[in-house]
C-alpha atoms as a PDB file:
ATOM      1  CA  UNK A   1       1.844  12.027   7.367  1.00  0.00           C
ATOM      2  CA  UNK A   2       0.756  10.387   4.149  1.00  0.00           C
ATOM      3  CA  UNK A   3      -2.700  11.286   2.951  1.00  0.00           C
ATOM      4  CA  UNK A   4      -3.765   7.945   1.503  1.00  0.00           C
ATOM      5  CA  UNK A   5      -7.218   9.126   0.822  1.00  0.00           C
ATOM      6  CA  UNK A   6      -5.839  10.878  -2.433  1.00  0.00           C
ATOM      7  CA  UNK A   7      -4.336   7.386  -3.618  1.00  0.00           C
ATOM      8  CA  UNK A   8      -6.863   5.631  -5.778  1.00  0.00           C
ATOM      9  CA  UNK A   9      -5.627   2.231  -5.304  1.00  0.00           C
ATOM     10  CA  UNK A  10      -6.161   2.010  -1.582  1.00  0.00           C
ATOM     11  CA  UNK A  11      -9.471   2.225   0.600  1.00  0.00           C
ATOM     12  CA  UNK A  12     -10.516   1.801   4.132  1.00  0.00           C
ATOM     13  CA  UNK A  13     -13.618   0.629   5.974  1.00  0.00           C
ATOM     14  CA  UNK A  14     -14.236   0.436   9.744  1.00  0.00           C
ATOM     15  CA  UNK A  15     -15.134  -3.175   9.255  1.00  0.00           C
ATOM     16  CA  UNK A  16     -12.246  -4.379   7.207  1.00  0.00           C
ATOM     17  CA  UNK A  17      -8.935  -5.034   8.772  1.00  0.00           C
ATOM     18  CA  UNK A  18      -9.893  -2.588  11.942  1.00  0.00           C
ATOM     19  CA  UNK A  19     -10.188   0.372   9.544  1.00  0.00           C
ATOM     20  CA  UNK A  20      -6.486  -0.073   8.286  1.00  0.00           C
ATOM     21  CA  UNK A  21      -5.674   1.189   4.707  1.00  0.00           C
ATOM     22  CA  UNK A  22      -5.696  -1.804   2.390  1.00  0.00           C
ATOM     23  CA  UNK A  23      -5.043  -2.206  -1.281  1.00  0.00           C
ATOM     24  CA  UNK A  24      -8.352  -1.769  -3.122  1.00  0.00           C
ATOM     25  CA  UNK A  25     -10.399  -4.893  -3.420  1.00  0.00           C
ATOM     26  CA  UNK A  26      -8.019  -6.811  -0.894  1.00  0.00           C
ATOM     27  CA  UNK A  27      -7.801  -7.303   2.805  1.00  0.00           C
ATOM     28  CA  UNK A  28      -3.815  -6.515   2.392  1.00  0.00           C
ATOM     29  CA  UNK A  29      -2.956  -3.539   4.671  1.00  0.00           C
ATOM     30  CA  UNK A  30      -0.769  -0.970   2.822  1.00  0.00           C
ATOM     31  CA  UNK A  31       1.414  -0.992   5.827  1.00  0.00           C
ATOM     32  CA  UNK A  32       2.429  -4.524   4.884  1.00  0.00           C
ATOM     33  CA  UNK A  33       4.059  -3.315   1.798  1.00  0.00           C
ATOM     34  CA  UNK A  34       6.274  -0.863   3.732  1.00  0.00           C
ATOM     35  CA  UNK A  35       7.001  -3.282   6.589  1.00  0.00           C
ATOM     36  CA  UNK A  36       8.179  -5.918   4.149  1.00  0.00           C
ATOM     37  CA  UNK A  37      10.408  -3.438   2.145  1.00  0.00           C
ATOM     38  CA  UNK A  38      11.809  -2.239   5.556  1.00  0.00           C
ATOM     39  CA  UNK A  39      12.680  -5.861   6.250  1.00  0.00           C
ATOM     40  CA  UNK A  40      14.392  -6.174   3.015  1.00  0.00           C
ATOM     41  CA  UNK A  41      11.852  -7.793   0.800  1.00  0.00           C
ATOM     42  CA  UNK A  42      11.795  -6.978  -3.088  1.00  0.00           C
ATOM     43  CA  UNK A  43       8.553  -5.831  -4.476  1.00  0.00           C
ATOM     44  CA  UNK A  44       8.261  -9.152  -6.586  1.00  0.00           C
ATOM     45  CA  UNK A  45       8.367 -11.158  -3.296  1.00  0.00           C
ATOM     46  CA  UNK A  46       5.624  -9.147  -1.830  1.00  0.00           C
ATOM     47  CA  UNK A  47       3.605  -9.637  -4.874  1.00  0.00           C
ATOM     48  CA  UNK A  48       4.210 -13.544  -4.474  1.00  0.00           C
ATOM     49  CA  UNK A  49       3.220 -13.354  -0.706  1.00  0.00           C
ATOM     50  CA  UNK A  50       0.098 -11.383  -1.507  1.00  0.00           C
ATOM     51  CA  UNK A  51      -1.419 -12.484  -4.931  1.00  0.00           C
ATOM     52  CA  UNK A  52      -4.422 -10.185  -4.666  1.00  0.00           C
ATOM     53  CA  UNK A  53      -2.127  -7.044  -4.940  1.00  0.00           C
ATOM     54  CA  UNK A  54      -1.267  -5.894  -8.543  1.00  0.00           C
ATOM     55  CA  UNK A  55       2.092  -4.272  -9.380  1.00  0.00           C
ATOM     56  CA  UNK A  56       0.456  -1.378 -10.468  1.00  0.00           C
ATOM     57  CA  UNK A  57      -1.152  -0.988  -7.203  1.00  0.00           C
ATOM     58  CA  UNK A  58       2.276  -1.217  -5.368  1.00  0.00           C
ATOM     59  CA  UNK A  59       3.753   1.420  -7.958  1.00  0.00           C
ATOM     60  CA  UNK A  60       1.003   3.772  -7.577  1.00  0.00           C
ATOM     61  CA  UNK A  61       1.267   3.614  -3.685  1.00  0.00           C
ATOM     62  CA  UNK A  62       5.074   4.009  -3.814  1.00  0.00           C
ATOM     63  CA  UNK A  63       4.783   6.962  -6.113  1.00  0.00           C
ATOM     64  CA  UNK A  64       1.961   8.415  -3.703  1.00  0.00           C
ATOM     65  CA  UNK A  65       4.254   8.138  -0.900  1.00  0.00           C
ATOM     66  CA  UNK A  66       7.246   9.567  -2.514  1.00  0.00           C
ATOM     67  CA  UNK A  67       5.102  12.662  -3.722  1.00  0.00           C
ATOM     68  CA  UNK A  68       4.066  13.181  -0.102  1.00  0.00           C
ATOM     69  CA  UNK A  69       7.660  13.545   0.894  1.00  0.00           C
ATOM     70  CA  UNK A  70       8.552  16.231  -1.670  1.00  0.00           C
ATOM     71  CA  UNK A  71       8.990  19.753  -0.377  1.00  0.00           C
ATOM     72  CA  UNK A  72       6.777  22.275  -1.768  1.00  0.00           C
END
């Protein structure tokens, strides 16, 4: 399980998107990024479809997810 609370570009609030983790300053769920990538979308396409999300946010979320998978 990824601890998203340590990623500075995401946030969650019980009143926003049912408490899902979203990209900070947006209502775009972080899960939408992973679902779109799993479905074959490119990051550039995701950014076009969700214009409130920045490339830097996507990069940091992906880096955070990758670090959480590292064996220590």
